[in-house]
């Protein structure tokens, strides 16, 4: 009798290979009825799972890759979990591939797609300036998650994206400070011209000042060259030691804000009495700063679901490329106060 494979079991059950694999690996997202049905077919056919059979799911046509650029970004953790749950819920399997901030996600994804026979790719974090020539390497659907091609030259109909409007949200954050009476507002950014999130959020900072009739003072803008907390701490320290007069600081990410609050405290500044702080992201960790951080919270769960749903619809031929722009919600902490 011919030895049955995992593909044979999937065919007999009329389910995907990934579903059989999840049953064999005891994933919790499989219904009891489905689990019982698959196990009965396995028993009837004498199928014996082995490592090579289980690995077939990684090269099957039901696999979606999540390529994460910027492995140290704490905001991504919740999105990764949400994407994984949604992919398995829709009957697909997932491989996670993390790359450094300086690596090329397009070339990496093209290589994985060829090796693993991927159905689609989710890019979590990435460059904002793709060109059509670069994306020609990808011959399967893909979705840009948390960013879009703002500085690039792609035809909007050629790709999909799910993200917040970084410039608008930064403008709103800074306007919250201005409405509270602050006119000397510092900014903690990675770079002002990186063709990425930092540049967009810095642009929002400048727009808020301009719309409210406040001058841009570049001596209040501190570039840290990264989003890392140690660099943000040192940047805030340099700003304090510069002797510049400011009553509030806008940071482009929660992790940077947490470091800034620490730097302010270490130099005898009280938050918010001496300096208010506001940011964008909504990290769970920022609920536990002293004081609690006021931040514009990104809808991580919605970002994960929308991105996955768009990609799987593309894979299954149930829709075309589209772009979803989501809003944030102000999570009122205790790091912002009105000037008396």
C-alpha atoms as a PDB file:
ATOM      1  CA  UNK A   1       0.000   0.000   0.000  1.00  0.00           C
ATOM      2  CA  UNK A   2       1.336   3.443  -0.961  1.00  0.00           C
ATOM      3  CA  UNK A   3       2.397   5.551   1.989  1.00  0.00           C
ATOM      4  CA  UNK A   4      -0.056   8.426   2.417  1.00  0.00           C
ATOM      5  CA  UNK A   5       1.298  11.973   2.528  1.00  0.00           C
ATOM      6  CA  UNK A   6      -0.055  15.052   4.257  1.00  0.00           C
ATOM      7  CA  UNK A   7      -1.281  16.228   0.854  1.00  0.00           C
ATOM      8  CA  UNK A   8      -3.257  12.988   0.452  1.00  0.00           C
ATOM      9  CA  UNK A   9      -4.878  13.477   3.849  1.00  0.00           C
ATOM     10  CA  UNK A  10      -5.778  17.073   2.970  1.00  0.00           C
ATOM     11  CA  UNK A  11      -7.350  15.915  -0.319  1.00  0.00           C
ATOM     12  CA  UNK A  12      -9.366  13.176   1.377  1.00  0.00           C
ATOM     13  CA  UNK A  13     -10.624  15.646   3.972  1.00  0.00           C
ATOM     14  CA  UNK A  14     -11.254  18.344   1.338  1.00  0.00           C
ATOM     15  CA  UNK A  15      -9.249  20.849   3.364  1.00  0.00           C
ATOM     16  CA  UNK A  16      -5.946  22.673   2.893  1.00  0.00           C
ATOM     17  CA  UNK A  17      -2.577  21.187   3.783  1.00  0.00           C
ATOM     18  CA  UNK A  18      -2.175  23.929   6.386  1.00  0.00           C
ATOM     19  CA  UNK A  19      -5.370  22.788   8.151  1.00  0.00           C
ATOM     20  CA  UNK A  20      -4.058  19.223   8.434  1.00  0.00           C
ATOM     21  CA  UNK A  21      -0.741  20.587   9.679  1.00  0.00           C
ATOM     22  CA  UNK A  22      -2.471  22.657  12.358  1.00  0.00           C
ATOM     23  CA  UNK A  23      -4.400  19.584  13.524  1.00  0.00           C
ATOM     24  CA  UNK A  24      -1.176  17.582  13.744  1.00  0.00           C
ATOM     25  CA  UNK A  25       0.543  20.395  15.628  1.00  0.00           C
ATOM     26  CA  UNK A  26      -2.428  20.866  17.970  1.00  0.00           C
ATOM     27  CA  UNK A  27      -3.171  24.496  17.065  1.00  0.00           C
ATOM     28  CA  UNK A  28      -6.102  25.911  19.011  1.00  0.00           C
ATOM     29  CA  UNK A  29      -7.710  27.658  16.027  1.00  0.00           C
ATOM     30  CA  UNK A  30      -9.084  24.376  14.618  1.00  0.00           C
ATOM     31  CA  UNK A  31     -12.671  23.460  15.509  1.00  0.00           C
ATOM     32  CA  UNK A  32     -13.358  20.238  17.399  1.00  0.00           C
ATOM     33  CA  UNK A  33     -15.402  18.885  14.481  1.00  0.00           C
ATOM     34  CA  UNK A  34     -12.604  19.575  11.993  1.00  0.00           C
ATOM     35  CA  UNK A  35      -9.998  18.081  14.308  1.00  0.00           C
ATOM     36  CA  UNK A  36     -12.090  14.914  14.764  1.00  0.00           C
ATOM     37  CA  UNK A  37     -12.715  14.626  11.021  1.00  0.00           C
ATOM     38  CA  UNK A  38      -9.041  14.959  10.094  1.00  0.00           C
ATOM     39  CA  UNK A  39      -7.873  12.562  12.791  1.00  0.00           C
ATOM     40  CA  UNK A  40     -10.397   9.947  11.666  1.00  0.00           C
ATOM     41  CA  UNK A  41      -9.103  10.107   8.083  1.00  0.00           C
ATOM     42  CA  UNK A  42      -5.525   9.858   9.381  1.00  0.00           C
ATOM     43  CA  UNK A  43      -6.450   6.777  11.421  1.00  0.00           C
ATOM     44  CA  UNK A  44      -8.299   5.104   8.546  1.00  0.00           C
ATOM     45  CA  UNK A  45      -5.389   5.603   6.157  1.00  0.00           C
ATOM     46  CA  UNK A  46      -2.580   4.727   8.516  1.00  0.00           C
ATOM     47  CA  UNK A  47      -0.858   8.047   7.990  1.00  0.00           C
ATOM     48  CA  UNK A  48       2.257   8.492  10.140  1.00  0.00           C
ATOM     49  CA  UNK A  49       3.378  12.135  10.511  1.00  0.00           C
ATOM     50  CA  UNK A  50       7.082  12.817  10.111  1.00  0.00           C
ATOM     51  CA  UNK A  51       9.261  15.886   9.952  1.00  0.00           C
ATOM     52  CA  UNK A  52       9.452  15.997   6.176  1.00  0.00           C
ATOM     53  CA  UNK A  53       5.690  15.650   5.856  1.00  0.00           C
ATOM     54  CA  UNK A  54       5.086  18.416   8.358  1.00  0.00           C
ATOM     55  CA  UNK A  55       7.503  20.641   6.529  1.00  0.00           C
ATOM     56  CA  UNK A  56       5.415  20.349   3.369  1.00  0.00           C
ATOM     57  CA  UNK A  57       3.218  23.091   4.758  1.00  0.00           C
ATOM     58  CA  UNK A  58       6.153  25.478   4.487  1.00  0.00           C
ATOM     59  CA  UNK A  59       6.432  24.889   0.765  1.00  0.00           C
ATOM     60  CA  UNK A  60       2.759  24.504   0.009  1.00  0.00           C
ATOM     61  CA  UNK A  61       0.645  26.944  -1.916  1.00  0.00           C
ATOM     62  CA  UNK A  62      -1.137  27.968   1.280  1.00  0.00           C
ATOM     63  CA  UNK A  63       1.782  29.853   2.815  1.00  0.00           C
ATOM     64  CA  UNK A  64       1.921  33.596   3.459  1.00  0.00           C
ATOM     65  CA  UNK A  65       5.107  35.310   4.591  1.00  0.00           C
ATOM     66  CA  UNK A  66       5.253  38.131   7.118  1.00  0.00           C
ATOM     67  CA  UNK A  67       8.473  40.058   6.507  1.00  0.00           C
ATOM     68  CA  UNK A  68       9.277  42.364   9.428  1.00  0.00           C
ATOM     69  CA  UNK A  69      11.770  45.187   8.926  1.00  0.00           C
ATOM     70  CA  UNK A  70      13.032  46.762  12.128  1.00  0.00           C
ATOM     71  CA  UNK A  71      13.083  43.878  14.596  1.00  0.00           C
ATOM     72  CA  UNK A  72      13.535  46.143  17.621  1.00  0.00           C
ATOM     73  CA  UNK A  73      10.306  48.099  17.073  1.00  0.00           C
ATOM     74  CA  UNK A  74       8.119  47.295  20.125  1.00  0.00           C
ATOM     75  CA  UNK A  75       4.970  48.457  18.318  1.00  0.00           C
ATOM     76  CA  UNK A  76       5.186  45.526  15.910  1.00  0.00           C
ATOM     77  CA  UNK A  77       4.694  42.783  18.519  1.00  0.00           C
ATOM     78  CA  UNK A  78       0.932  43.223  18.760  1.00  0.00           C
ATOM     79  CA  UNK A  79       0.536  43.414  14.986  1.00  0.00           C
ATOM     80  CA  UNK A  80       2.560  40.230  14.453  1.00  0.00           C
ATOM     81  CA  UNK A  81       0.303  38.359  16.865  1.00  0.00           C
ATOM     82  CA  UNK A  82      -2.846  39.693  15.187  1.00  0.00           C
ATOM     83  CA  UNK A  83      -1.614  38.845  11.678  1.00  0.00           C
ATOM     84  CA  UNK A  84      -0.681  35.311  12.709  1.00  0.00           C
ATOM     85  CA  UNK A  85      -4.097  34.683  14.263  1.00  0.00           C
ATOM     86  CA  UNK A  86      -5.939  36.056  11.233  1.00  0.00           C
ATOM     87  CA  UNK A  87      -3.864  34.071   8.722  1.00  0.00           C
ATOM     88  CA  UNK A  88      -4.512  30.799  10.522  1.00  0.00           C
ATOM     89  CA  UNK A  89      -8.190  31.692  10.970  1.00  0.00           C
ATOM     90  CA  UNK A  90      -8.494  32.114   7.197  1.00  0.00           C
ATOM     91  CA  UNK A  91      -6.991  28.646   6.628  1.00  0.00           C
ATOM     92  CA  UNK A  92      -3.459  29.604   5.618  1.00  0.00           C
ATOM     93  CA  UNK A  93      -0.066  29.004   7.178  1.00  0.00           C
ATOM     94  CA  UNK A  94       2.511  31.691   7.939  1.00  0.00           C
ATOM     95  CA  UNK A  95       6.249  32.031   8.000  1.00  0.00           C
ATOM     96  CA  UNK A  96       7.832  34.942   9.852  1.00  0.00           C
ATOM     97  CA  UNK A  97      11.040  36.468   8.546  1.00  0.00           C
ATOM     98  CA  UNK A  98      12.705  39.325  10.403  1.00  0.00           C
ATOM     99  CA  UNK A  99      15.321  41.587   8.841  1.00  0.00           C
ATOM    100  CA  UNK A 100      17.360  44.526  10.073  1.00  0.00           C
ATOM    101  CA  UNK A 101      16.469  48.157   9.472  1.00  0.00           C
ATOM    102  CA  UNK A 102      19.136  48.464   6.779  1.00  0.00           C
ATOM    103  CA  UNK A 103      18.227  45.261   4.907  1.00  0.00           C
ATOM    104  CA  UNK A 104      16.263  45.191   1.640  1.00  0.00           C
ATOM    105  CA  UNK A 105      12.830  43.706   2.277  1.00  0.00           C
ATOM    106  CA  UNK A 106      11.953  43.441  -1.424  1.00  0.00           C
ATOM    107  CA  UNK A 107      14.959  41.291  -2.353  1.00  0.00           C
ATOM    108  CA  UNK A 108      14.504  39.210   0.787  1.00  0.00           C
ATOM    109  CA  UNK A 109      10.825  38.617   0.045  1.00  0.00           C
ATOM    110  CA  UNK A 110      11.512  37.704  -3.580  1.00  0.00           C
ATOM    111  CA  UNK A 111      13.990  35.062  -2.444  1.00  0.00           C
ATOM    112  CA  UNK A 112      11.575  33.609   0.125  1.00  0.00           C
ATOM    113  CA  UNK A 113       8.717  33.608  -2.389  1.00  0.00           C
ATOM    114  CA  UNK A 114      10.767  31.505  -4.772  1.00  0.00           C
ATOM    115  CA  UNK A 115      11.996  29.078  -2.126  1.00  0.00           C
ATOM    116  CA  UNK A 116       8.685  28.600  -0.307  1.00  0.00           C
ATOM    117  CA  UNK A 117       6.169  28.954  -3.157  1.00  0.00           C
ATOM    118  CA  UNK A 118       4.387  31.730  -1.299  1.00  0.00           C
ATOM    119  CA  UNK A 119       0.852  32.856  -2.081  1.00  0.00           C
ATOM    120  CA  UNK A 120       1.351  36.360  -0.723  1.00  0.00           C
ATOM    121  CA  UNK A 121       3.547  38.645   1.360  1.00  0.00           C
ATOM    122  CA  UNK A 122       2.841  41.075   4.179  1.00  0.00           C
ATOM    123  CA  UNK A 123       5.529  43.682   4.733  1.00  0.00           C
ATOM    124  CA  UNK A 124       5.474  44.983   8.303  1.00  0.00           C
ATOM    125  CA  UNK A 125       7.559  48.138   8.251  1.00  0.00           C
ATOM    126  CA  UNK A 126       9.482  49.044   5.140  1.00  0.00           C
ATOM    127  CA  UNK A 127      10.732  51.797   2.890  1.00  0.00           C
ATOM    128  CA  UNK A 128       8.375  54.539   1.725  1.00  0.00           C
ATOM    129  CA  UNK A 129      10.072  54.938  -1.658  1.00  0.00           C
ATOM    130  CA  UNK A 130       9.746  51.803  -3.784  1.00  0.00           C
ATOM    131  CA  UNK A 131      10.127  52.040  -7.543  1.00  0.00           C
ATOM    132  CA  UNK A 132       8.281  49.883 -10.118  1.00  0.00           C
ATOM    133  CA  UNK A 133      11.586  48.304 -11.154  1.00  0.00           C
ATOM    134  CA  UNK A 134      12.210  47.094  -7.587  1.00  0.00           C
ATOM    135  CA  UNK A 135       8.769  45.583  -7.116  1.00  0.00           C
ATOM    136  CA  UNK A 136       8.991  43.721 -10.433  1.00  0.00           C
ATOM    137  CA  UNK A 137      10.872  41.114  -8.392  1.00  0.00           C
ATOM    138  CA  UNK A 138       7.575  40.234  -6.720  1.00  0.00           C
ATOM    139  CA  UNK A 139       5.148  38.228  -8.846  1.00  0.00           C
ATOM    140  CA  UNK A 140       2.647  37.573  -6.039  1.00  0.00           C
ATOM    141  CA  UNK A 141       0.295  39.907  -4.123  1.00  0.00           C
ATOM    142  CA  UNK A 142       1.749  41.943  -1.283  1.00  0.00           C
ATOM    143  CA  UNK A 143       0.509  44.490   1.250  1.00  0.00           C
ATOM    144  CA  UNK A 144       2.502  47.253   2.960  1.00  0.00           C
ATOM    145  CA  UNK A 145       1.484  47.201   6.623  1.00  0.00           C
ATOM    146  CA  UNK A 146       1.984  50.393   8.730  1.00  0.00           C
ATOM    147  CA  UNK A 147       3.376  52.361   5.783  1.00  0.00           C
ATOM    148  CA  UNK A 148       2.706  53.317   2.178  1.00  0.00           C
ATOM    149  CA  UNK A 149       4.674  54.500  -0.874  1.00  0.00           C
ATOM    150  CA  UNK A 150       4.583  58.212   0.002  1.00  0.00           C
ATOM    151  CA  UNK A 151       8.025  59.026  -1.409  1.00  0.00           C
ATOM    152  CA  UNK A 152       8.069  56.398  -4.162  1.00  0.00           C
ATOM    153  CA  UNK A 153       6.786  56.106  -7.702  1.00  0.00           C
ATOM    154  CA  UNK A 154       4.477  53.087  -7.601  1.00  0.00           C
ATOM    155  CA  UNK A 155       1.089  53.199  -9.292  1.00  0.00           C
ATOM    156  CA  UNK A 156      -1.413  53.086  -6.395  1.00  0.00           C
ATOM    157  CA  UNK A 157      -3.327  50.392  -8.264  1.00  0.00           C
ATOM    158  CA  UNK A 158      -0.284  48.112  -8.286  1.00  0.00           C
ATOM    159  CA  UNK A 159      -0.047  47.508  -4.535  1.00  0.00           C
ATOM    160  CA  UNK A 160      -2.012  47.711  -1.278  1.00  0.00           C
ATOM    161  CA  UNK A 161      -1.316  49.405   2.049  1.00  0.00           C
ATOM    162  CA  UNK A 162      -2.760  49.829   5.528  1.00  0.00           C
ATOM    163  CA  UNK A 163      -1.429  52.648   7.711  1.00  0.00           C
ATOM    164  CA  UNK A 164      -2.249  55.781   9.630  1.00  0.00           C
ATOM    165  CA  UNK A 165      -1.663  59.220   8.101  1.00  0.00           C
ATOM    166  CA  UNK A 166       1.617  59.910   9.917  1.00  0.00           C
ATOM    167  CA  UNK A 167       1.792  63.588   8.967  1.00  0.00           C
ATOM    168  CA  UNK A 168      -1.805  64.294  10.018  1.00  0.00           C
ATOM    169  CA  UNK A 169      -1.498  62.425  13.323  1.00  0.00           C
ATOM    170  CA  UNK A 170       1.705  64.276  14.189  1.00  0.00           C
ATOM    171  CA  UNK A 171       0.019  67.572  13.386  1.00  0.00           C
ATOM    172  CA  UNK A 172      -2.893  66.651  15.662  1.00  0.00           C
ATOM    173  CA  UNK A 173      -0.537  65.666  18.489  1.00  0.00           C
ATOM    174  CA  UNK A 174       1.333  68.973  18.322  1.00  0.00           C
ATOM    175  CA  UNK A 175      -1.927  70.903  18.099  1.00  0.00           C
ATOM    176  CA  UNK A 176      -3.003  69.231  21.349  1.00  0.00           C
ATOM    177  CA  UNK A 177       0.016  70.859  22.971  1.00  0.00           C
ATOM    178  CA  UNK A 178      -0.710  74.216  21.371  1.00  0.00           C
ATOM    179  CA  UNK A 179      -4.343  74.109  22.518  1.00  0.00           C
ATOM    180  CA  UNK A 180      -3.011  73.601  26.038  1.00  0.00           C
ATOM    181  CA  UNK A 181      -1.121  76.891  25.800  1.00  0.00           C
ATOM    182  CA  UNK A 182       2.333  75.650  24.753  1.00  0.00           C
ATOM    183  CA  UNK A 183       4.200  77.745  22.206  1.00  0.00           C
ATOM    184  CA  UNK A 184       7.794  76.603  22.793  1.00  0.00           C
ATOM    185  CA  UNK A 185       7.480  72.989  21.673  1.00  0.00           C
ATOM    186  CA  UNK A 186      10.540  70.821  21.117  1.00  0.00           C
ATOM    187  CA  UNK A 187      10.567  67.818  18.795  1.00  0.00           C
ATOM    188  CA  UNK A 188      12.481  64.570  19.200  1.00  0.00           C
ATOM    189  CA  UNK A 189      12.837  62.889  15.792  1.00  0.00           C
ATOM    190  CA  UNK A 190      15.098  60.283  14.208  1.00  0.00           C
ATOM    191  CA  UNK A 191      15.828  62.372  11.109  1.00  0.00           C
ATOM    192  CA  UNK A 192      14.099  65.240   9.332  1.00  0.00           C
ATOM    193  CA  UNK A 193      14.776  63.940   5.806  1.00  0.00           C
ATOM    194  CA  UNK A 194      14.810  60.134   5.884  1.00  0.00           C
ATOM    195  CA  UNK A 195      11.948  59.617   3.404  1.00  0.00           C
ATOM    196  CA  UNK A 196      10.161  57.630   6.082  1.00  0.00           C
ATOM    197  CA  UNK A 197       8.014  57.924   9.215  1.00  0.00           C
ATOM    198  CA  UNK A 198      10.351  60.363  10.933  1.00  0.00           C
ATOM    199  CA  UNK A 199      10.236  62.829   8.045  1.00  0.00           C
ATOM    200  CA  UNK A 200       6.452  62.536   7.788  1.00  0.00           C
ATOM    201  CA  UNK A 201       5.907  63.128  11.497  1.00  0.00           C
ATOM    202  CA  UNK A 202       8.386  66.001  11.498  1.00  0.00           C
ATOM    203  CA  UNK A 203       6.392  67.494   8.615  1.00  0.00           C
ATOM    204  CA  UNK A 204       3.263  67.222  10.753  1.00  0.00           C
ATOM    205  CA  UNK A 205       5.062  69.049  13.572  1.00  0.00           C
ATOM    206  CA  UNK A 206       5.996  71.878  11.209  1.00  0.00           C
ATOM    207  CA  UNK A 207       2.486  72.021   9.759  1.00  0.00           C
ATOM    208  CA  UNK A 208       0.916  72.387  13.201  1.00  0.00           C
ATOM    209  CA  UNK A 209       3.236  75.274  14.059  1.00  0.00           C
ATOM    210  CA  UNK A 210       2.547  77.015  10.750  1.00  0.00           C
ATOM    211  CA  UNK A 211      -1.232  76.620  10.989  1.00  0.00           C
ATOM    212  CA  UNK A 212      -1.195  78.070  14.507  1.00  0.00           C
ATOM    213  CA  UNK A 213       1.053  80.992  13.594  1.00  0.00           C
ATOM    214  CA  UNK A 214       4.097  79.780  15.525  1.00  0.00           C
ATOM    215  CA  UNK A 215       7.625  80.077  14.105  1.00  0.00           C
ATOM    216  CA  UNK A 216       9.734  76.998  13.416  1.00  0.00           C
ATOM    217  CA  UNK A 217      12.815  77.066  15.663  1.00  0.00           C
ATOM    218  CA  UNK A 218      15.248  74.367  14.532  1.00  0.00           C
ATOM    219  CA  UNK A 219      17.183  74.746  17.793  1.00  0.00           C
ATOM    220  CA  UNK A 220      14.219  72.950  19.390  1.00  0.00           C
ATOM    221  CA  UNK A 221      14.437  70.011  16.965  1.00  0.00           C
ATOM    222  CA  UNK A 222      16.696  67.183  18.112  1.00  0.00           C
ATOM    223  CA  UNK A 223      17.644  64.375  15.693  1.00  0.00           C
ATOM    224  CA  UNK A 224      18.587  61.078  17.325  1.00  0.00           C
ATOM    225  CA  UNK A 225      19.400  59.096  14.117  1.00  0.00           C
ATOM    226  CA  UNK A 226      17.220  56.198  15.321  1.00  0.00           C
ATOM    227  CA  UNK A 227      14.079  55.274  17.245  1.00  0.00           C
ATOM    228  CA  UNK A 228      16.098  53.453  19.915  1.00  0.00           C
ATOM    229  CA  UNK A 229      15.556  54.401  23.547  1.00  0.00           C
ATOM    230  CA  UNK A 230      19.259  54.964  24.367  1.00  0.00           C
ATOM    231  CA  UNK A 231      19.603  57.348  21.414  1.00  0.00           C
ATOM    232  CA  UNK A 232      16.372  59.120  22.385  1.00  0.00           C
ATOM    233  CA  UNK A 233      17.619  59.492  25.967  1.00  0.00           C
ATOM    234  CA  UNK A 234      20.899  61.025  24.773  1.00  0.00           C
ATOM    235  CA  UNK A 235      19.022  63.299  22.358  1.00  0.00           C
ATOM    236  CA  UNK A 236      16.748  64.570  25.124  1.00  0.00           C
ATOM    237  CA  UNK A 237      19.757  65.086  27.355  1.00  0.00           C
ATOM    238  CA  UNK A 238      21.474  67.201  24.677  1.00  0.00           C
ATOM    239  CA  UNK A 239      18.319  69.275  24.260  1.00  0.00           C
ATOM    240  CA  UNK A 240      18.113  69.923  27.997  1.00  0.00           C
ATOM    241  CA  UNK A 241      21.793  70.813  28.219  1.00  0.00           C
ATOM    242  CA  UNK A 242      21.507  73.192  25.249  1.00  0.00           C
ATOM    243  CA  UNK A 243      19.767  75.675  27.521  1.00  0.00           C
ATOM    244  CA  UNK A 244      16.888  76.154  25.099  1.00  0.00           C
ATOM    245  CA  UNK A 245      13.600  77.310  26.602  1.00  0.00           C
ATOM    246  CA  UNK A 246      10.696  74.904  25.963  1.00  0.00           C
ATOM    247  CA  UNK A 247       7.629  73.789  27.901  1.00  0.00           C
ATOM    248  CA  UNK A 248       6.660  70.720  25.877  1.00  0.00           C
ATOM    249  CA  UNK A 249       8.186  68.042  23.683  1.00  0.00           C
ATOM    250  CA  UNK A 250       6.652  66.025  20.850  1.00  0.00           C
ATOM    251  CA  UNK A 251       8.331  62.686  20.223  1.00  0.00           C
ATOM    252  CA  UNK A 252       7.618  60.671  17.083  1.00  0.00           C
ATOM    253  CA  UNK A 253       7.301  57.322  18.898  1.00  0.00           C
ATOM    254  CA  UNK A 254       6.283  56.099  22.358  1.00  0.00           C
ATOM    255  CA  UNK A 255       9.609  54.351  22.995  1.00  0.00           C
ATOM    256  CA  UNK A 256      11.372  57.668  22.423  1.00  0.00           C
ATOM    257  CA  UNK A 257       8.913  59.423  24.742  1.00  0.00           C
ATOM    258  CA  UNK A 258       9.587  56.934  27.533  1.00  0.00           C
ATOM    259  CA  UNK A 259      13.318  57.618  27.204  1.00  0.00           C
ATOM    260  CA  UNK A 260      12.681  61.371  27.091  1.00  0.00           C
ATOM    261  CA  UNK A 261      10.662  61.271  30.323  1.00  0.00           C
ATOM    262  CA  UNK A 262      13.531  59.413  31.992  1.00  0.00           C
ATOM    263  CA  UNK A 263      16.059  61.981  30.750  1.00  0.00           C
ATOM    264  CA  UNK A 264      13.908  64.866  31.955  1.00  0.00           C
ATOM    265  CA  UNK A 265      13.528  63.285  35.406  1.00  0.00           C
ATOM    266  CA  UNK A 266      17.258  62.564  35.646  1.00  0.00           C
ATOM    267  CA  UNK A 267      17.950  66.258  35.025  1.00  0.00           C
ATOM    268  CA  UNK A 268      15.465  67.518  37.592  1.00  0.00           C
ATOM    269  CA  UNK A 269      12.585  68.330  35.253  1.00  0.00           C
ATOM    270  CA  UNK A 270       9.084  67.391  36.351  1.00  0.00           C
ATOM    271  CA  UNK A 271       6.614  66.003  33.816  1.00  0.00           C
ATOM    272  CA  UNK A 272       4.207  67.626  33.139  1.00  0.00           C
ATOM    273  CA  UNK A 273       4.801  70.536  35.537  1.00  0.00           C
ATOM    274  CA  UNK A 274       8.026  71.663  33.862  1.00  0.00           C
ATOM    275  CA  UNK A 275       7.612  69.952  30.489  1.00  0.00           C
ATOM    276  CA  UNK A 276       4.653  68.214  28.849  1.00  0.00           C
ATOM    277  CA  UNK A 277       5.248  65.161  26.639  1.00  0.00           C
ATOM    278  CA  UNK A 278       3.072  63.703  23.868  1.00  0.00           C
ATOM    279  CA  UNK A 279       3.755  60.975  21.341  1.00  0.00           C
ATOM    280  CA  UNK A 280       2.299  58.570  18.758  1.00  0.00           C
ATOM    281  CA  UNK A 281       1.942  54.766  18.955  1.00  0.00           C
ATOM    282  CA  UNK A 282       0.032  53.612  22.022  1.00  0.00           C
ATOM    283  CA  UNK A 283       2.442  51.011  23.369  1.00  0.00           C
ATOM    284  CA  UNK A 284       1.121  49.024  26.310  1.00  0.00           C
ATOM    285  CA  UNK A 285       4.375  49.813  28.100  1.00  0.00           C
ATOM    286  CA  UNK A 286       3.636  53.534  27.976  1.00  0.00           C
ATOM    287  CA  UNK A 287       0.680  52.938  30.308  1.00  0.00           C
ATOM    288  CA  UNK A 288       3.226  52.291  33.040  1.00  0.00           C
ATOM    289  CA  UNK A 289       5.497  55.308  32.810  1.00  0.00           C
ATOM    290  CA  UNK A 290       5.484  57.839  35.627  1.00  0.00           C
ATOM    291  CA  UNK A 291       3.525  59.838  34.719  1.00  0.00           C
ATOM    292  CA  UNK A 292       1.442  57.813  32.281  1.00  0.00           C
ATOM    293  CA  UNK A 293       2.236  58.897  28.733  1.00  0.00           C
ATOM    294  CA  UNK A 294      -0.306  60.863  26.711  1.00  0.00           C
ATOM    295  CA  UNK A 295      -0.186  59.380  23.223  1.00  0.00           C
ATOM    296  CA  UNK A 296      -2.120  58.960  19.989  1.00  0.00           C
ATOM    297  CA  UNK A 297      -2.800  55.234  19.916  1.00  0.00           C
ATOM    298  CA  UNK A 298      -2.584  53.362  16.639  1.00  0.00           C
ATOM    299  CA  UNK A 299      -5.263  50.640  16.172  1.00  0.00           C
ATOM    300  CA  UNK A 300      -2.807  47.718  16.022  1.00  0.00           C
ATOM    301  CA  UNK A 301      -5.484  45.008  15.949  1.00  0.00           C
ATOM    302  CA  UNK A 302      -7.359  46.711  13.102  1.00  0.00           C
ATOM    303  CA  UNK A 303      -4.126  47.228  11.176  1.00  0.00           C
ATOM    304  CA  UNK A 304      -3.355  43.520  11.476  1.00  0.00           C
ATOM    305  CA  UNK A 305      -6.821  42.369  10.400  1.00  0.00           C
ATOM    306  CA  UNK A 306      -7.227  44.825   7.524  1.00  0.00           C
ATOM    307  CA  UNK A 307      -3.783  44.009   6.122  1.00  0.00           C
ATOM    308  CA  UNK A 308      -4.364  40.259   6.286  1.00  0.00           C
ATOM    309  CA  UNK A 309      -7.877  40.427   4.868  1.00  0.00           C
ATOM    310  CA  UNK A 310      -6.759  42.543   1.903  1.00  0.00           C
ATOM    311  CA  UNK A 311      -3.894  40.181   1.124  1.00  0.00           C
ATOM    312  CA  UNK A 312      -5.975  37.009   1.318  1.00  0.00           C
ATOM    313  CA  UNK A 313      -8.705  38.598  -0.814  1.00  0.00           C
ATOM    314  CA  UNK A 314      -6.017  39.337  -3.413  1.00  0.00           C
ATOM    315  CA  UNK A 315      -4.687  35.774  -3.179  1.00  0.00           C
ATOM    316  CA  UNK A 316      -8.170  34.329  -3.623  1.00  0.00           C
ATOM    317  CA  UNK A 317      -9.125  36.720  -6.409  1.00  0.00           C
ATOM    318  CA  UNK A 318     -11.879  38.364  -4.380  1.00  0.00           C
ATOM    319  CA  UNK A 319     -10.745  41.967  -4.713  1.00  0.00           C
ATOM    320  CA  UNK A 320      -8.225  44.370  -6.145  1.00  0.00           C
ATOM    321  CA  UNK A 321      -5.515  46.473  -4.577  1.00  0.00           C
ATOM    322  CA  UNK A 322      -6.682  49.099  -2.132  1.00  0.00           C
ATOM    323  CA  UNK A 323      -5.336  51.521   0.445  1.00  0.00           C
ATOM    324  CA  UNK A 324      -6.751  51.874   3.947  1.00  0.00           C
ATOM    325  CA  UNK A 325      -5.937  54.934   6.050  1.00  0.00           C
ATOM    326  CA  UNK A 326      -6.796  54.499   9.718  1.00  0.00           C
ATOM    327  CA  UNK A 327      -7.082  57.077  12.475  1.00  0.00           C
ATOM    328  CA  UNK A 328      -5.614  57.129  15.960  1.00  0.00           C
ATOM    329  CA  UNK A 329      -7.328  57.754  19.278  1.00  0.00           C
ATOM    330  CA  UNK A 330      -5.993  60.073  21.963  1.00  0.00           C
ATOM    331  CA  UNK A 331      -5.083  58.075  25.035  1.00  0.00           C
ATOM    332  CA  UNK A 332      -5.149  60.704  27.721  1.00  0.00           C
ATOM    333  CA  UNK A 333      -2.365  60.100  30.219  1.00  0.00           C
ATOM    334  CA  UNK A 334      -0.821  62.461  32.756  1.00  0.00           C
ATOM    335  CA  UNK A 335       2.181  63.726  30.784  1.00  0.00           C
ATOM    336  CA  UNK A 336       0.391  66.739  29.296  1.00  0.00           C
ATOM    337  CA  UNK A 337      -0.831  69.733  31.252  1.00  0.00           C
ATOM    338  CA  UNK A 338      -2.167  73.173  30.410  1.00  0.00           C
ATOM    339  CA  UNK A 339       0.018  76.187  30.965  1.00  0.00           C
ATOM    340  CA  UNK A 340      -1.317  78.434  33.690  1.00  0.00           C
END
